[in-house]
């Protein structure tokens, strides 16, 4: 399977990916603070998803 090149995607899909990438860090920080204050199972699950998504963008897997 070849490498995923985001710049070969249609412009509208590239814009969606860039927008999600920019929103990931503030959402992750908010979710970590919320999990530290009131840790529920859903909060821990969402925190894991946001952290994984942030590192996927950081390592340029998407």
N, C-alpha and C. Protein backbone atom coordinates (compact mmCIF):
# COMPACT_ATOMS: atom_id res chain seq x y z
N UNK A 1 0.85 -1.18 0.00
CA UNK A 1 0.00 0.00 0.00
C UNK A 1 0.89 1.24 0.00
N UNK A 2 0.61 2.17 -0.86
CA UNK A 2 1.43 3.36 -1.01
C UNK A 2 1.17 4.39 0.07
N UNK A 3 2.02 5.40 0.09
CA UNK A 3 1.88 6.48 1.06
C UNK A 3 0.68 7.36 0.68
N UNK A 4 0.02 7.87 1.70
CA UNK A 4 -1.15 8.72 1.52
C UNK A 4 -0.69 10.15 1.31
N UNK A 5 -0.99 10.74 0.16
CA UNK A 5 -0.62 12.11 -0.14
C UNK A 5 -1.85 12.99 -0.06
N UNK A 6 -1.89 13.86 0.94
CA UNK A 6 -3.07 14.71 1.10
C UNK A 6 -3.17 15.77 0.02
N UNK A 7 -2.06 16.09 -0.63
CA UNK A 7 -2.09 17.14 -1.66
C UNK A 7 -2.63 16.64 -2.99
N UNK A 8 -2.82 15.34 -3.14
CA UNK A 8 -3.43 14.79 -4.35
C UNK A 8 -4.95 14.70 -4.24
N UNK A 9 -5.49 15.04 -3.07
CA UNK A 9 -6.93 14.98 -2.85
C UNK A 9 -7.62 16.18 -3.48
N UNK A 10 -8.93 16.09 -3.66
CA UNK A 10 -9.67 17.26 -4.16
C UNK A 10 -9.56 18.41 -3.16
N UNK A 11 -9.64 19.66 -3.66
CA UNK A 11 -9.46 20.82 -2.77
C UNK A 11 -10.43 20.86 -1.60
N UNK A 12 -11.68 20.48 -1.79
CA UNK A 12 -12.64 20.53 -0.70
C UNK A 12 -12.29 19.53 0.41
N UNK A 13 -11.77 18.36 0.04
CA UNK A 13 -11.40 17.35 1.03
C UNK A 13 -10.12 17.76 1.76
N UNK A 14 -9.19 18.38 1.04
CA UNK A 14 -7.98 18.91 1.68
C UNK A 14 -8.34 19.95 2.72
N UNK A 15 -9.30 20.82 2.40
CA UNK A 15 -9.73 21.86 3.33
C UNK A 15 -10.36 21.24 4.58
N UNK A 16 -11.14 20.18 4.40
CA UNK A 16 -11.75 19.49 5.55
C UNK A 16 -10.66 18.91 6.45
N UNK A 17 -9.66 18.27 5.87
CA UNK A 17 -8.56 17.68 6.65
C UNK A 17 -7.78 18.77 7.38
N UNK A 18 -7.48 19.87 6.71
CA UNK A 18 -6.76 20.97 7.35
C UNK A 18 -7.56 21.57 8.51
N UNK A 19 -8.87 21.70 8.34
CA UNK A 19 -9.72 22.24 9.39
C UNK A 19 -9.74 21.31 10.60
N UNK A 20 -9.88 20.03 10.37
CA UNK A 20 -9.87 19.06 11.46
C UNK A 20 -8.52 19.09 12.17
N UNK A 21 -7.46 19.20 11.40
CA UNK A 21 -6.11 19.25 11.98
C UNK A 21 -5.95 20.47 12.89
N UNK A 22 -6.47 21.62 12.49
CA UNK A 22 -6.36 22.83 13.30
C UNK A 22 -7.22 22.78 14.55
N UNK A 23 -8.34 22.07 14.51
CA UNK A 23 -9.25 22.01 15.66
C UNK A 23 -8.88 20.92 16.66
N UNK A 24 -7.98 20.04 16.31
CA UNK A 24 -7.67 18.89 17.15
C UNK A 24 -7.00 19.30 18.46
N UNK A 25 -6.03 20.20 18.43
CA UNK A 25 -5.31 20.58 19.64
C UNK A 25 -6.21 21.26 20.68
N UNK A 26 -7.01 22.28 20.32
CA UNK A 26 -7.89 22.87 21.35
C UNK A 26 -8.89 21.87 21.91
N UNK A 27 -9.46 21.01 21.06
CA UNK A 27 -10.40 20.00 21.54
C UNK A 27 -9.71 19.01 22.48
N UNK A 28 -8.48 18.63 22.16
CA UNK A 28 -7.74 17.69 22.99
C UNK A 28 -7.46 18.31 24.36
N UNK A 29 -7.02 19.57 24.38
CA UNK A 29 -6.73 20.24 25.66
C UNK A 29 -7.99 20.35 26.51
N UNK A 30 -9.10 20.75 25.89
CA UNK A 30 -10.37 20.85 26.61
C UNK A 30 -10.78 19.49 27.18
N UNK A 31 -10.63 18.44 26.39
CA UNK A 31 -11.05 17.12 26.82
C UNK A 31 -10.15 16.59 27.94
N UNK A 32 -8.85 16.90 27.89
CA UNK A 32 -7.95 16.46 28.97
C UNK A 32 -8.32 17.16 30.28
N UNK A 33 -8.59 18.46 30.22
CA UNK A 33 -8.99 19.19 31.43
C UNK A 33 -10.30 18.64 31.97
N UNK A 34 -11.24 18.39 31.09
CA UNK A 34 -12.54 17.84 31.53
C UNK A 34 -12.37 16.46 32.14
N UNK A 35 -11.48 15.64 31.57
CA UNK A 35 -11.25 14.30 32.10
C UNK A 35 -10.58 14.37 33.47
N UNK A 36 -9.69 15.34 33.67
CA UNK A 36 -9.04 15.47 34.98
C UNK A 36 -10.03 15.93 36.05
N UNK A 37 -11.04 16.73 35.66
CA UNK A 37 -12.01 17.23 36.63
C UNK A 37 -13.08 16.17 36.93
N UNK A 38 -13.70 15.64 35.90
CA UNK A 38 -14.78 14.66 36.06
C UNK A 38 -14.48 13.46 35.17
N UNK A 39 -13.72 12.48 35.64
CA UNK A 39 -13.35 11.35 34.78
C UNK A 39 -14.48 10.31 34.65
N UNK A 40 -15.13 10.30 33.52
CA UNK A 40 -16.10 9.26 33.22
C UNK A 40 -15.52 8.38 32.11
N UNK A 41 -16.15 7.28 31.86
CA UNK A 41 -15.68 6.36 30.83
C UNK A 41 -15.70 7.04 29.45
N UNK A 42 -16.74 7.78 29.17
CA UNK A 42 -16.84 8.48 27.89
C UNK A 42 -15.74 9.53 27.74
N UNK A 43 -15.44 10.26 28.82
CA UNK A 43 -14.39 11.27 28.75
C UNK A 43 -13.03 10.64 28.49
N UNK A 44 -12.74 9.53 29.13
CA UNK A 44 -11.47 8.84 28.92
C UNK A 44 -11.38 8.32 27.49
N UNK A 45 -12.47 7.79 26.97
CA UNK A 45 -12.50 7.30 25.60
C UNK A 45 -12.29 8.45 24.60
N UNK A 46 -12.99 9.56 24.79
CA UNK A 46 -12.83 10.71 23.90
C UNK A 46 -11.42 11.30 23.99
N UNK A 47 -10.85 11.33 25.19
CA UNK A 47 -9.48 11.82 25.34
C UNK A 47 -8.52 10.95 24.55
N UNK A 48 -8.68 9.65 24.63
CA UNK A 48 -7.82 8.74 23.85
C UNK A 48 -7.97 8.94 22.36
N UNK A 49 -9.18 9.17 21.90
CA UNK A 49 -9.42 9.40 20.48
C UNK A 49 -8.76 10.70 20.03
N UNK A 50 -8.93 11.78 20.81
CA UNK A 50 -8.34 13.07 20.44
C UNK A 50 -6.82 13.04 20.49
N UNK A 51 -6.25 12.37 21.50
CA UNK A 51 -4.79 12.27 21.57
C UNK A 51 -4.26 11.45 20.39
N UNK A 52 -4.93 10.34 20.07
CA UNK A 52 -4.51 9.54 18.92
C UNK A 52 -4.62 10.30 17.62
N UNK A 53 -5.70 11.05 17.46
CA UNK A 53 -5.88 11.85 16.24
C UNK A 53 -4.83 12.95 16.14
N UNK A 54 -4.52 13.58 17.29
CA UNK A 54 -3.50 14.63 17.28
C UNK A 54 -2.14 14.06 16.87
N UNK A 55 -1.76 12.93 17.44
CA UNK A 55 -0.47 12.34 17.08
C UNK A 55 -0.45 11.81 15.64
N UNK A 56 -1.58 11.37 15.14
CA UNK A 56 -1.65 10.94 13.74
C UNK A 56 -1.41 12.12 12.81
N UNK A 57 -1.97 13.26 13.13
CA UNK A 57 -1.71 14.46 12.31
C UNK A 57 -0.28 14.95 12.51
N UNK A 58 0.22 14.89 13.75
CA UNK A 58 1.57 15.35 14.05
C UNK A 58 2.62 14.51 13.31
N UNK A 59 2.40 13.21 13.25
CA UNK A 59 3.33 12.32 12.55
C UNK A 59 3.02 12.22 11.06
N UNK A 60 2.03 13.00 10.60
CA UNK A 60 1.63 13.08 9.20
C UNK A 60 1.18 11.72 8.64
N UNK A 61 0.40 10.99 9.45
CA UNK A 61 -0.21 9.75 8.95
C UNK A 61 -1.43 10.07 8.11
N UNK A 62 -2.02 11.26 8.32
CA UNK A 62 -3.17 11.71 7.53
C UNK A 62 -2.76 12.86 6.66
